[in-house]
């Protein structure tokens, strides 16, 4: 490498003396290295005479190719350094859903603003599938609601959100300021099969068991938009997070549940085997936002986390 650098310097200055001065080494060292390179290549790179130095035709072509190669090598070194520090690269993120203006949207926007060269690959998935993909290395991180401790994965609570019930604007309860769980006991619940659907169904069952018959739960293989459209058309009701109410939905009203004892905890989940600096940078941004209470919709709640919470 040193021989190539010194050869390029001689080609630039067309002088062994000036090249040596620019590199901060002796002229004899430059002359010796260039001569050694010529012998190794079996070609003459420079014409030397009393009037100075000039490139041979073979030397000119060699220098052009080496110069191009050095630019590529320099770019490769810079890119490797950027990737090593998480400045450039990719991050695969699993989510339950993404609401404009919501906590997760805020987190990802902040991360993109601080790390503009990182490409985010976001996919919507259920909590169960997300955990499998994190284990298999198909996702770097996943955000999921109310997870229990996962022995082989790391997790950290990032934000809280309140549970709301979504009903049609023509529903008998639509004009109320809030409702109770028992008032929903006879209502048909529409629940998605994917996304946060399984957690929604679990919460409905948990709040009903031992108190009144479990409501009729209709599982649907649809997205959020279709689910909201069905609610607006009075096919049933469903549960959403408070952040869902940030964006008005025609024909749908979101009501708080007065006797819902807990907010929903949302956690980041990742594999302890994932040493990606990009992942570390995202977790750092999430931690900063959490400490500043930006991501806590209920700042009065304790900043809890799972037992296997890791930084």
C-alpha atoms as a PDB file:
ATOM      1  CA  UNK A   1       0.000   0.000   0.000  1.00  0.00           C
ATOM      2  CA  UNK A   2       2.838   2.427   0.873  1.00  0.00           C
ATOM      3  CA  UNK A   3       4.457   1.819  -2.520  1.00  0.00           C
ATOM      4  CA  UNK A   4       1.206   2.633  -4.299  1.00  0.00           C
ATOM      5  CA  UNK A   5       0.651   5.824  -2.295  1.00  0.00           C
ATOM      6  CA  UNK A   6       4.207   7.018  -3.009  1.00  0.00           C
ATOM      7  CA  UNK A   7       3.887   6.140  -6.693  1.00  0.00           C
ATOM      8  CA  UNK A   8       0.693   8.190  -6.953  1.00  0.00           C
ATOM      9  CA  UNK A   9       2.454  11.106  -5.249  1.00  0.00           C
ATOM     10  CA  UNK A  10       5.347  10.999  -7.741  1.00  0.00           C
ATOM     11  CA  UNK A  11       2.850  10.835 -10.616  1.00  0.00           C
ATOM     12  CA  UNK A  12       1.028  13.880  -9.205  1.00  0.00           C
ATOM     13  CA  UNK A  13       4.092  16.061  -8.654  1.00  0.00           C
ATOM     14  CA  UNK A  14       6.315  14.518 -11.392  1.00  0.00           C
ATOM     15  CA  UNK A  15       9.118  14.878  -8.911  1.00  0.00           C
ATOM     16  CA  UNK A  16      10.579  12.487  -6.354  1.00  0.00           C
ATOM     17  CA  UNK A  17      11.719  15.428  -4.268  1.00  0.00           C
ATOM     18  CA  UNK A  18       8.310  17.147  -4.151  1.00  0.00           C
ATOM     19  CA  UNK A  19       6.503  13.845  -3.565  1.00  0.00           C
ATOM     20  CA  UNK A  20       8.792  13.027  -0.635  1.00  0.00           C
ATOM     21  CA  UNK A  21       8.272  16.494   0.843  1.00  0.00           C
ATOM     22  CA  UNK A  22       4.472  16.213   0.539  1.00  0.00           C
ATOM     23  CA  UNK A  23       4.508  12.793   2.218  1.00  0.00           C
ATOM     24  CA  UNK A  24       6.953  13.889   4.921  1.00  0.00           C
ATOM     25  CA  UNK A  25       9.523  11.192   4.176  1.00  0.00           C
ATOM     26  CA  UNK A  26      12.960  11.057   2.574  1.00  0.00           C
ATOM     27  CA  UNK A  27      13.449  11.203  -1.196  1.00  0.00           C
ATOM     28  CA  UNK A  28      15.610   8.107  -1.071  1.00  0.00           C
ATOM     29  CA  UNK A  29      12.779   6.146   0.543  1.00  0.00           C
ATOM     30  CA  UNK A  30      10.352   7.190  -2.201  1.00  0.00           C
ATOM     31  CA  UNK A  31      12.835   6.356  -4.949  1.00  0.00           C
ATOM     32  CA  UNK A  32      13.561   2.949  -3.428  1.00  0.00           C
ATOM     33  CA  UNK A  33       9.885   1.994  -3.051  1.00  0.00           C
ATOM     34  CA  UNK A  34       8.947   3.067  -6.572  1.00  0.00           C
ATOM     35  CA  UNK A  35      11.923   1.203  -8.038  1.00  0.00           C
ATOM     36  CA  UNK A  36      10.979  -1.903  -6.026  1.00  0.00           C
ATOM     37  CA  UNK A  37       7.404  -1.702  -7.340  1.00  0.00           C
ATOM     38  CA  UNK A  38       8.645  -1.381 -10.929  1.00  0.00           C
ATOM     39  CA  UNK A  39      10.807  -4.476 -10.494  1.00  0.00           C
ATOM     40  CA  UNK A  40       7.896  -6.390  -8.967  1.00  0.00           C
ATOM     41  CA  UNK A  41       5.585  -5.413 -11.839  1.00  0.00           C
ATOM     42  CA  UNK A  42       8.249  -5.888 -14.500  1.00  0.00           C
ATOM     43  CA  UNK A  43       7.448  -2.535 -16.118  1.00  0.00           C
ATOM     44  CA  UNK A  44       8.938   0.934 -16.087  1.00  0.00           C
ATOM     45  CA  UNK A  45       6.505   3.436 -14.581  1.00  0.00           C
ATOM     46  CA  UNK A  46       8.590   6.628 -14.900  1.00  0.00           C
ATOM     47  CA  UNK A  47      11.141   8.071 -17.280  1.00  0.00           C
ATOM     48  CA  UNK A  48      13.956   9.570 -15.206  1.00  0.00           C
ATOM     49  CA  UNK A  49      16.407  12.125 -16.592  1.00  0.00           C
ATOM     50  CA  UNK A  50      18.194  15.286 -15.547  1.00  0.00           C
ATOM     51  CA  UNK A  51      15.203  17.399 -16.513  1.00  0.00           C
ATOM     52  CA  UNK A  52      12.826  15.583 -14.178  1.00  0.00           C
ATOM     53  CA  UNK A  53      10.337  12.718 -14.162  1.00  0.00           C
ATOM     54  CA  UNK A  54       7.571  11.733 -16.585  1.00  0.00           C
ATOM     55  CA  UNK A  55       5.171   8.806 -16.769  1.00  0.00           C
ATOM     56  CA  UNK A  56       5.644   6.066 -19.304  1.00  0.00           C
ATOM     57  CA  UNK A  57       2.564   4.957 -21.222  1.00  0.00           C
ATOM     58  CA  UNK A  58       2.387   1.820 -19.053  1.00  0.00           C
ATOM     59  CA  UNK A  59       2.894   4.021 -15.990  1.00  0.00           C
ATOM     60  CA  UNK A  60       0.082   6.365 -16.985  1.00  0.00           C
ATOM     61  CA  UNK A  61      -2.403   3.483 -17.350  1.00  0.00           C
ATOM     62  CA  UNK A  62      -1.223   1.889 -14.118  1.00  0.00           C
ATOM     63  CA  UNK A  63      -1.587   5.136 -12.159  1.00  0.00           C
ATOM     64  CA  UNK A  64      -5.087   5.756 -13.560  1.00  0.00           C
ATOM     65  CA  UNK A  65      -6.261   2.296 -12.475  1.00  0.00           C
ATOM     66  CA  UNK A  66      -4.591   2.522  -9.073  1.00  0.00           C
ATOM     67  CA  UNK A  67      -6.119   5.958  -8.525  1.00  0.00           C
ATOM     68  CA  UNK A  68      -9.605   4.594  -9.261  1.00  0.00           C
ATOM     69  CA  UNK A  69      -8.966   1.621  -7.003  1.00  0.00           C
ATOM     70  CA  UNK A  70      -7.828   3.881  -4.162  1.00  0.00           C
ATOM     71  CA  UNK A  71     -11.052   5.906  -4.405  1.00  0.00           C
ATOM     72  CA  UNK A  72     -13.087   2.683  -4.187  1.00  0.00           C
ATOM     73  CA  UNK A  73     -10.980   1.448  -1.270  1.00  0.00           C
ATOM     74  CA  UNK A  74     -11.358   4.765   0.546  1.00  0.00           C
ATOM     75  CA  UNK A  75     -15.144   4.624   0.104  1.00  0.00           C
ATOM     76  CA  UNK A  76     -15.193   1.040   1.368  1.00  0.00           C
ATOM     77  CA  UNK A  77     -13.218   2.016   4.474  1.00  0.00           C
ATOM     78  CA  UNK A  78     -15.519   4.966   5.180  1.00  0.00           C
ATOM     79  CA  UNK A  79     -18.638   2.826   4.665  1.00  0.00           C
ATOM     80  CA  UNK A  80     -17.289   0.104   6.948  1.00  0.00           C
ATOM     81  CA  UNK A  81     -16.612   2.701   9.623  1.00  0.00           C
ATOM     82  CA  UNK A  82     -20.091   4.187   9.284  1.00  0.00           C
ATOM     83  CA  UNK A  83     -21.698   0.766   9.549  1.00  0.00           C
ATOM     84  CA  UNK A  84     -19.555  -0.110  12.564  1.00  0.00           C
ATOM     85  CA  UNK A  85     -20.891   2.966  14.364  1.00  0.00           C
ATOM     86  CA  UNK A  86     -24.481   2.524  13.180  1.00  0.00           C
ATOM     87  CA  UNK A  87     -24.386   5.645  11.011  1.00  0.00           C
ATOM     88  CA  UNK A  88     -25.298   3.715   7.864  1.00  0.00           C
ATOM     89  CA  UNK A  89     -27.113   0.428   7.369  1.00  0.00           C
ATOM     90  CA  UNK A  90     -30.511  -1.232   7.655  1.00  0.00           C
ATOM     91  CA  UNK A  91     -32.937  -1.915  10.489  1.00  0.00           C
ATOM     92  CA  UNK A  92     -35.850  -4.371  10.247  1.00  0.00           C
ATOM     93  CA  UNK A  93     -38.699  -3.338  12.546  1.00  0.00           C
ATOM     94  CA  UNK A  94     -41.839  -5.301  13.413  1.00  0.00           C
ATOM     95  CA  UNK A  95     -44.867  -3.303  14.562  1.00  0.00           C
ATOM     96  CA  UNK A  96     -48.477  -3.931  15.648  1.00  0.00           C
ATOM     97  CA  UNK A  97     -49.674  -0.853  13.750  1.00  0.00           C
ATOM     98  CA  UNK A  98     -48.525   2.677  13.038  1.00  0.00           C
ATOM     99  CA  UNK A  99     -50.653   5.729  13.788  1.00  0.00           C
ATOM    100  CA  UNK A 100     -49.612   9.142  12.493  1.00  0.00           C
ATOM    101  CA  UNK A 101     -48.737  11.277  15.484  1.00  0.00           C
ATOM    102  CA  UNK A 102     -48.648   8.284  17.832  1.00  0.00           C
ATOM    103  CA  UNK A 103     -45.806   7.248  20.133  1.00  0.00           C
ATOM    104  CA  UNK A 104     -44.203   4.769  17.730  1.00  0.00           C
ATOM    105  CA  UNK A 105     -44.506   7.202  14.830  1.00  0.00           C
ATOM    106  CA  UNK A 106     -42.823   9.862  16.965  1.00  0.00           C
ATOM    107  CA  UNK A 107     -40.006   7.481  17.907  1.00  0.00           C
ATOM    108  CA  UNK A 108     -39.309   6.407  14.325  1.00  0.00           C
ATOM    109  CA  UNK A 109     -39.433   9.993  13.067  1.00  0.00           C
ATOM    110  CA  UNK A 110     -36.912  11.074  15.698  1.00  0.00           C
ATOM    111  CA  UNK A 111     -34.650   8.146  14.833  1.00  0.00           C
ATOM    112  CA  UNK A 112     -34.774   8.977  11.114  1.00  0.00           C
ATOM    113  CA  UNK A 113     -33.948  12.617  11.818  1.00  0.00           C
ATOM    114  CA  UNK A 114     -30.908  11.643  13.922  1.00  0.00           C
ATOM    115  CA  UNK A 115     -29.803   8.802  11.632  1.00  0.00           C
ATOM    116  CA  UNK A 116     -30.832   9.786   8.083  1.00  0.00           C
ATOM    117  CA  UNK A 117     -28.598   7.194   6.385  1.00  0.00           C
ATOM    118  CA  UNK A 118     -30.335   4.235   8.057  1.00  0.00           C
ATOM    119  CA  UNK A 119     -32.937   2.456   5.935  1.00  0.00           C
ATOM    120  CA  UNK A 120     -35.922   1.282   7.985  1.00  0.00           C
ATOM    121  CA  UNK A 121     -37.784  -1.815   6.793  1.00  0.00           C
ATOM    122  CA  UNK A 122     -41.106  -1.864   8.658  1.00  0.00           C
ATOM    123  CA  UNK A 123     -43.524  -4.791   8.635  1.00  0.00           C
ATOM    124  CA  UNK A 124     -46.812  -5.264  10.486  1.00  0.00           C
ATOM    125  CA  UNK A 125     -46.998  -8.523  12.384  1.00  0.00           C
ATOM    126  CA  UNK A 126     -48.657 -10.165  15.379  1.00  0.00           C
ATOM    127  CA  UNK A 127     -46.766 -10.368  18.672  1.00  0.00           C
ATOM    128  CA  UNK A 128     -46.324 -14.143  18.300  1.00  0.00           C
ATOM    129  CA  UNK A 129     -44.931 -13.936  14.774  1.00  0.00           C
ATOM    130  CA  UNK A 130     -42.745 -10.987  15.728  1.00  0.00           C
ATOM    131  CA  UNK A 131     -41.093 -12.969  18.520  1.00  0.00           C
ATOM    132  CA  UNK A 132     -40.389 -15.845  16.135  1.00  0.00           C
ATOM    133  CA  UNK A 133     -38.874 -13.500  13.535  1.00  0.00           C
ATOM    134  CA  UNK A 134     -36.722 -11.781  16.155  1.00  0.00           C
ATOM    135  CA  UNK A 135     -35.377 -15.162  17.268  1.00  0.00           C
ATOM    136  CA  UNK A 136     -34.688 -16.174  13.666  1.00  0.00           C
ATOM    137  CA  UNK A 137     -32.929 -12.912  12.912  1.00  0.00           C
ATOM    138  CA  UNK A 138     -35.563 -11.838  10.382  1.00  0.00           C
ATOM    139  CA  UNK A 139     -36.394  -8.785  12.505  1.00  0.00           C
ATOM    140  CA  UNK A 140     -33.911  -6.675  14.449  1.00  0.00           C
ATOM    141  CA  UNK A 141     -36.542  -5.337  16.828  1.00  0.00           C
ATOM    142  CA  UNK A 142     -40.299  -5.549  17.363  1.00  0.00           C
ATOM    143  CA  UNK A 143     -42.722  -3.353  19.276  1.00  0.00           C
ATOM    144  CA  UNK A 144     -45.605  -5.170  20.935  1.00  0.00           C
ATOM    145  CA  UNK A 145     -48.281  -4.635  23.559  1.00  0.00           C
ATOM    146  CA  UNK A 146     -48.512  -6.099  27.071  1.00  0.00           C
ATOM    147  CA  UNK A 147     -46.006  -8.881  26.593  1.00  0.00           C
ATOM    148  CA  UNK A 148     -45.042 -11.169  29.424  1.00  0.00           C
ATOM    149  CA  UNK A 149     -41.424 -11.921  30.250  1.00  0.00           C
ATOM    150  CA  UNK A 150     -39.700 -13.734  27.367  1.00  0.00           C
ATOM    151  CA  UNK A 151     -36.780 -15.786  28.748  1.00  0.00           C
ATOM    152  CA  UNK A 152     -34.614 -15.813  25.601  1.00  0.00           C
ATOM    153  CA  UNK A 153     -35.274 -12.245  24.443  1.00  0.00           C
ATOM    154  CA  UNK A 154     -34.539  -8.818  25.842  1.00  0.00           C
ATOM    155  CA  UNK A 155     -37.340  -6.318  26.294  1.00  0.00           C
ATOM    156  CA  UNK A 156     -37.846  -2.769  27.463  1.00  0.00           C
ATOM    157  CA  UNK A 157     -41.083  -0.863  28.090  1.00  0.00           C
ATOM    158  CA  UNK A 158     -40.992   2.183  25.835  1.00  0.00           C
ATOM    159  CA  UNK A 159     -44.388   3.836  26.325  1.00  0.00           C
ATOM    160  CA  UNK A 160     -47.895   3.449  27.763  1.00  0.00           C
ATOM    161  CA  UNK A 161     -51.258   4.086  26.142  1.00  0.00           C
ATOM    162  CA  UNK A 162     -54.880   4.019  27.298  1.00  0.00           C
ATOM    163  CA  UNK A 163     -57.479   1.549  26.000  1.00  0.00           C
ATOM    164  CA  UNK A 164     -60.468   3.058  24.169  1.00  0.00           C
ATOM    165  CA  UNK A 165     -63.572   1.454  22.706  1.00  0.00           C
ATOM    166  CA  UNK A 166     -64.500   2.369  19.128  1.00  0.00           C
ATOM    167  CA  UNK A 167     -68.208   2.493  18.293  1.00  0.00           C
ATOM    168  CA  UNK A 168     -70.294   3.831  15.443  1.00  0.00           C
ATOM    169  CA  UNK A 169     -71.438   7.438  15.780  1.00  0.00           C
ATOM    170  CA  UNK A 170     -75.008   6.053  15.669  1.00  0.00           C
ATOM    171  CA  UNK A 171     -74.353   3.539  18.467  1.00  0.00           C
ATOM    172  CA  UNK A 172     -76.497   3.813  21.619  1.00  0.00           C
ATOM    173  CA  UNK A 173     -73.368   4.633  23.681  1.00  0.00           C
ATOM    174  CA  UNK A 174     -71.803   7.089  21.231  1.00  0.00           C
ATOM    175  CA  UNK A 175     -73.001  10.217  23.055  1.00  0.00           C
ATOM    176  CA  UNK A 176     -71.498   9.199  26.408  1.00  0.00           C
ATOM    177  CA  UNK A 177     -68.274  10.734  27.703  1.00  0.00           C
ATOM    178  CA  UNK A 178     -67.082   7.308  28.912  1.00  0.00           C
ATOM    179  CA  UNK A 179     -68.383   3.773  29.377  1.00  0.00           C
ATOM    180  CA  UNK A 180     -67.872   0.786  31.697  1.00  0.00           C
ATOM    181  CA  UNK A 181     -66.841  -2.725  30.726  1.00  0.00           C
ATOM    182  CA  UNK A 182     -70.191  -4.175  31.778  1.00  0.00           C
ATOM    183  CA  UNK A 183     -71.985  -1.907  29.320  1.00  0.00           C
ATOM    184  CA  UNK A 184     -70.081  -3.702  26.549  1.00  0.00           C
ATOM    185  CA  UNK A 185     -70.927  -7.224  27.688  1.00  0.00           C
ATOM    186  CA  UNK A 186     -73.702  -7.744  25.125  1.00  0.00           C
ATOM    187  CA  UNK A 187     -71.856  -6.100  22.248  1.00  0.00           C
ATOM    188  CA  UNK A 188     -70.275  -8.039  19.352  1.00  0.00           C
ATOM    189  CA  UNK A 189     -66.519  -7.345  19.321  1.00  0.00           C
ATOM    190  CA  UNK A 190     -64.693  -7.247  15.991  1.00  0.00           C
ATOM    191  CA  UNK A 191     -61.093  -8.385  16.391  1.00  0.00           C
ATOM    192  CA  UNK A 192     -58.359  -8.647  13.805  1.00  0.00           C
ATOM    193  CA  UNK A 193     -56.563 -11.957  13.409  1.00  0.00           C
ATOM    194  CA  UNK A 194     -53.258 -10.181  12.853  1.00  0.00           C
ATOM    195  CA  UNK A 195     -51.529  -7.168  14.361  1.00  0.00           C
ATOM    196  CA  UNK A 196     -52.641  -6.511  17.939  1.00  0.00           C
ATOM    197  CA  UNK A 197     -55.799  -8.613  17.478  1.00  0.00           C
ATOM    198  CA  UNK A 198     -54.720 -11.499  19.749  1.00  0.00           C
ATOM    199  CA  UNK A 199     -53.920  -9.084  22.602  1.00  0.00           C
ATOM    200  CA  UNK A 200     -57.265  -7.327  22.120  1.00  0.00           C
ATOM    201  CA  UNK A 201     -59.114 -10.650  22.348  1.00  0.00           C
ATOM    202  CA  UNK A 202     -57.140 -11.637  25.452  1.00  0.00           C
ATOM    203  CA  UNK A 203     -58.051  -8.360  27.165  1.00  0.00           C
ATOM    204  CA  UNK A 204     -61.767  -8.747  26.378  1.00  0.00           C
ATOM    205  CA  UNK A 205     -61.788 -12.265  27.837  1.00  0.00           C
ATOM    206  CA  UNK A 206     -59.727 -11.207  30.870  1.00  0.00           C
ATOM    207  CA  UNK A 207     -62.119  -8.377  31.768  1.00  0.00           C
ATOM    208  CA  UNK A 208     -65.212 -10.581  31.330  1.00  0.00           C
ATOM    209  CA  UNK A 209     -64.297 -13.926  32.904  1.00  0.00           C
ATOM    210  CA  UNK A 210     -65.930 -14.519  36.282  1.00  0.00           C
ATOM    211  CA  UNK A 211     -68.044 -11.371  35.978  1.00  0.00           C
ATOM    212  CA  UNK A 212     -70.391 -11.923  33.020  1.00  0.00           C
ATOM    213  CA  UNK A 213     -70.542 -14.134  29.922  1.00  0.00           C
ATOM    214  CA  UNK A 214     -67.720 -13.524  27.490  1.00  0.00           C
ATOM    215  CA  UNK A 215     -69.002 -11.282  24.658  1.00  0.00           C
ATOM    216  CA  UNK A 216     -69.339 -12.500  21.100  1.00  0.00           C
ATOM    217  CA  UNK A 217     -65.862 -12.065  19.556  1.00  0.00           C
ATOM    218  CA  UNK A 218     -65.702 -12.086  15.765  1.00  0.00           C
ATOM    219  CA  UNK A 219     -62.180 -12.608  14.398  1.00  0.00           C
ATOM    220  CA  UNK A 220     -61.533 -11.067  11.004  1.00  0.00           C
ATOM    221  CA  UNK A 221     -58.595 -11.317   8.625  1.00  0.00           C
ATOM    222  CA  UNK A 222     -58.578  -7.601   7.781  1.00  0.00           C
ATOM    223  CA  UNK A 223     -56.509  -4.485   8.349  1.00  0.00           C
ATOM    224  CA  UNK A 224     -57.211  -1.506  10.617  1.00  0.00           C
ATOM    225  CA  UNK A 225     -58.899   0.562   7.904  1.00  0.00           C
ATOM    226  CA  UNK A 226     -61.379  -2.196   7.041  1.00  0.00           C
ATOM    227  CA  UNK A 227     -62.034  -2.815  10.740  1.00  0.00           C
ATOM    228  CA  UNK A 228     -62.887   0.843  11.320  1.00  0.00           C
ATOM    229  CA  UNK A 229     -65.140   0.843   8.262  1.00  0.00           C
ATOM    230  CA  UNK A 230     -67.063  -2.142   9.671  1.00  0.00           C
ATOM    231  CA  UNK A 231     -67.439  -0.366  13.013  1.00  0.00           C
ATOM    232  CA  UNK A 232     -68.756   2.747  11.257  1.00  0.00           C
ATOM    233  CA  UNK A 233     -71.262   0.499   9.445  1.00  0.00           C
ATOM    234  CA  UNK A 234     -72.488  -0.862  12.834  1.00  0.00           C
ATOM    235  CA  UNK A 235     -71.210  -4.419  12.403  1.00  0.00           C
ATOM    236  CA  UNK A 236     -69.767  -4.313  15.904  1.00  0.00           C
ATOM    237  CA  UNK A 237     -67.344  -2.514  18.202  1.00  0.00           C
ATOM    238  CA  UNK A 238     -63.660  -2.958  18.982  1.00  0.00           C
ATOM    239  CA  UNK A 239     -60.820  -1.816  21.209  1.00  0.00           C
ATOM    240  CA  UNK A 240     -58.139   0.628  20.146  1.00  0.00           C
ATOM    241  CA  UNK A 241     -55.474   2.708  21.793  1.00  0.00           C
ATOM    242  CA  UNK A 242     -55.965   6.346  22.643  1.00  0.00           C
ATOM    243  CA  UNK A 243     -53.459   7.345  19.967  1.00  0.00           C
ATOM    244  CA  UNK A 244     -55.921   5.971  17.389  1.00  0.00           C
ATOM    245  CA  UNK A 245     -58.237   8.839  18.288  1.00  0.00           C
ATOM    246  CA  UNK A 246     -55.604  11.351  17.143  1.00  0.00           C
ATOM    247  CA  UNK A 247     -56.845  10.934  13.579  1.00  0.00           C
ATOM    248  CA  UNK A 248     -60.624  11.455  13.151  1.00  0.00           C
ATOM    249  CA  UNK A 249     -62.380   8.503  11.517  1.00  0.00           C
ATOM    250  CA  UNK A 250     -65.673   9.215   9.708  1.00  0.00           C
ATOM    251  CA  UNK A 251     -68.557   7.423  11.405  1.00  0.00           C
ATOM    252  CA  UNK A 252     -66.512   6.274  14.415  1.00  0.00           C
ATOM    253  CA  UNK A 253     -66.174   7.684  17.928  1.00  0.00           C
ATOM    254  CA  UNK A 254     -63.580   6.589  20.506  1.00  0.00           C
ATOM    255  CA  UNK A 255     -64.669   6.427  24.155  1.00  0.00           C
ATOM    256  CA  UNK A 256     -62.523   5.893  27.271  1.00  0.00           C
ATOM    257  CA  UNK A 257     -63.342   2.908  29.482  1.00  0.00           C
ATOM    258  CA  UNK A 258     -63.799   4.355  32.966  1.00  0.00           C
ATOM    259  CA  UNK A 259     -63.152   1.143  34.881  1.00  0.00           C
ATOM    260  CA  UNK A 260     -60.167  -0.077  32.822  1.00  0.00           C
ATOM    261  CA  UNK A 261     -57.561  -0.416  35.593  1.00  0.00           C
ATOM    262  CA  UNK A 262     -54.400  -0.361  33.514  1.00  0.00           C
ATOM    263  CA  UNK A 263     -52.839   1.385  30.585  1.00  0.00           C
ATOM    264  CA  UNK A 264     -51.284  -0.803  27.896  1.00  0.00           C
ATOM    265  CA  UNK A 265     -47.519  -1.146  28.089  1.00  0.00           C
ATOM    266  CA  UNK A 266     -45.653  -1.228  24.796  1.00  0.00           C
ATOM    267  CA  UNK A 267     -42.260  -2.858  24.753  1.00  0.00           C
ATOM    268  CA  UNK A 268     -39.340  -3.086  22.394  1.00  0.00           C
ATOM    269  CA  UNK A 269     -38.196  -6.703  22.015  1.00  0.00           C
ATOM    270  CA  UNK A 270     -34.893  -7.834  20.521  1.00  0.00           C
ATOM    271  CA  UNK A 271     -32.486 -10.771  20.575  1.00  0.00           C
ATOM    272  CA  UNK A 272     -29.514 -10.719  22.977  1.00  0.00           C
ATOM    273  CA  UNK A 273     -27.471 -12.114  20.055  1.00  0.00           C
ATOM    274  CA  UNK A 274     -28.118  -9.031  17.929  1.00  0.00           C
ATOM    275  CA  UNK A 275     -25.070  -6.770  18.293  1.00  0.00           C
ATOM    276  CA  UNK A 276     -26.084  -4.342  15.565  1.00  0.00           C
ATOM    277  CA  UNK A 277     -24.931  -0.781  16.349  1.00  0.00           C
ATOM    278  CA  UNK A 278     -27.977   0.465  14.425  1.00  0.00           C
ATOM    279  CA  UNK A 279     -30.233  -1.384  16.882  1.00  0.00           C
ATOM    280  CA  UNK A 280     -28.304   0.118  19.794  1.00  0.00           C
ATOM    281  CA  UNK A 281     -28.819   3.582  18.343  1.00  0.00           C
ATOM    282  CA  UNK A 282     -32.593   3.066  18.073  1.00  0.00           C
ATOM    283  CA  UNK A 283     -32.764   1.848  21.668  1.00  0.00           C
ATOM    284  CA  UNK A 284     -30.772   4.893  22.768  1.00  0.00           C
ATOM    285  CA  UNK A 285     -33.223   7.228  21.027  1.00  0.00           C
ATOM    286  CA  UNK A 286     -36.158   5.384  22.649  1.00  0.00           C
ATOM    287  CA  UNK A 287     -34.524   5.651  26.068  1.00  0.00           C
ATOM    288  CA  UNK A 288     -33.921   9.398  25.679  1.00  0.00           C
ATOM    289  CA  UNK A 289     -37.519   9.996  24.653  1.00  0.00           C
ATOM    290  CA  UNK A 290     -38.822   7.844  27.496  1.00  0.00           C
ATOM    291  CA  UNK A 291     -36.687   9.641  30.083  1.00  0.00           C
ATOM    292  CA  UNK A 292     -38.012  12.955  28.827  1.00  0.00           C
ATOM    293  CA  UNK A 293     -41.586  11.553  29.092  1.00  0.00           C
ATOM    294  CA  UNK A 294     -42.190  12.260  25.401  1.00  0.00           C
ATOM    295  CA  UNK A 295     -43.385   8.688  24.823  1.00  0.00           C
ATOM    296  CA  UNK A 296     -45.359   8.333  28.027  1.00  0.00           C
ATOM    297  CA  UNK A 297     -49.012   9.130  27.404  1.00  0.00           C
ATOM    298  CA  UNK A 298     -49.608   8.653  31.153  1.00  0.00           C
ATOM    299  CA  UNK A 299     -46.588  10.277  32.841  1.00  0.00           C
ATOM    300  CA  UNK A 300     -48.043   9.656  36.288  1.00  0.00           C
ATOM    301  CA  UNK A 301     -47.594   5.928  35.815  1.00  0.00           C
ATOM    302  CA  UNK A 302     -44.393   4.337  37.141  1.00  0.00           C
ATOM    303  CA  UNK A 303     -41.732   3.742  34.518  1.00  0.00           C
ATOM    304  CA  UNK A 304     -41.903  -0.032  34.740  1.00  0.00           C
ATOM    305  CA  UNK A 305     -40.157  -2.650  32.656  1.00  0.00           C
ATOM    306  CA  UNK A 306     -39.948  -6.396  32.355  1.00  0.00           C
ATOM    307  CA  UNK A 307     -37.545  -8.454  34.451  1.00  0.00           C
ATOM    308  CA  UNK A 308     -35.211  -9.018  31.521  1.00  0.00           C
ATOM    309  CA  UNK A 309     -35.029  -5.303  30.652  1.00  0.00           C
ATOM    310  CA  UNK A 310     -31.594  -4.612  29.159  1.00  0.00           C
ATOM    311  CA  UNK A 311     -29.965  -1.441  27.895  1.00  0.00           C
END
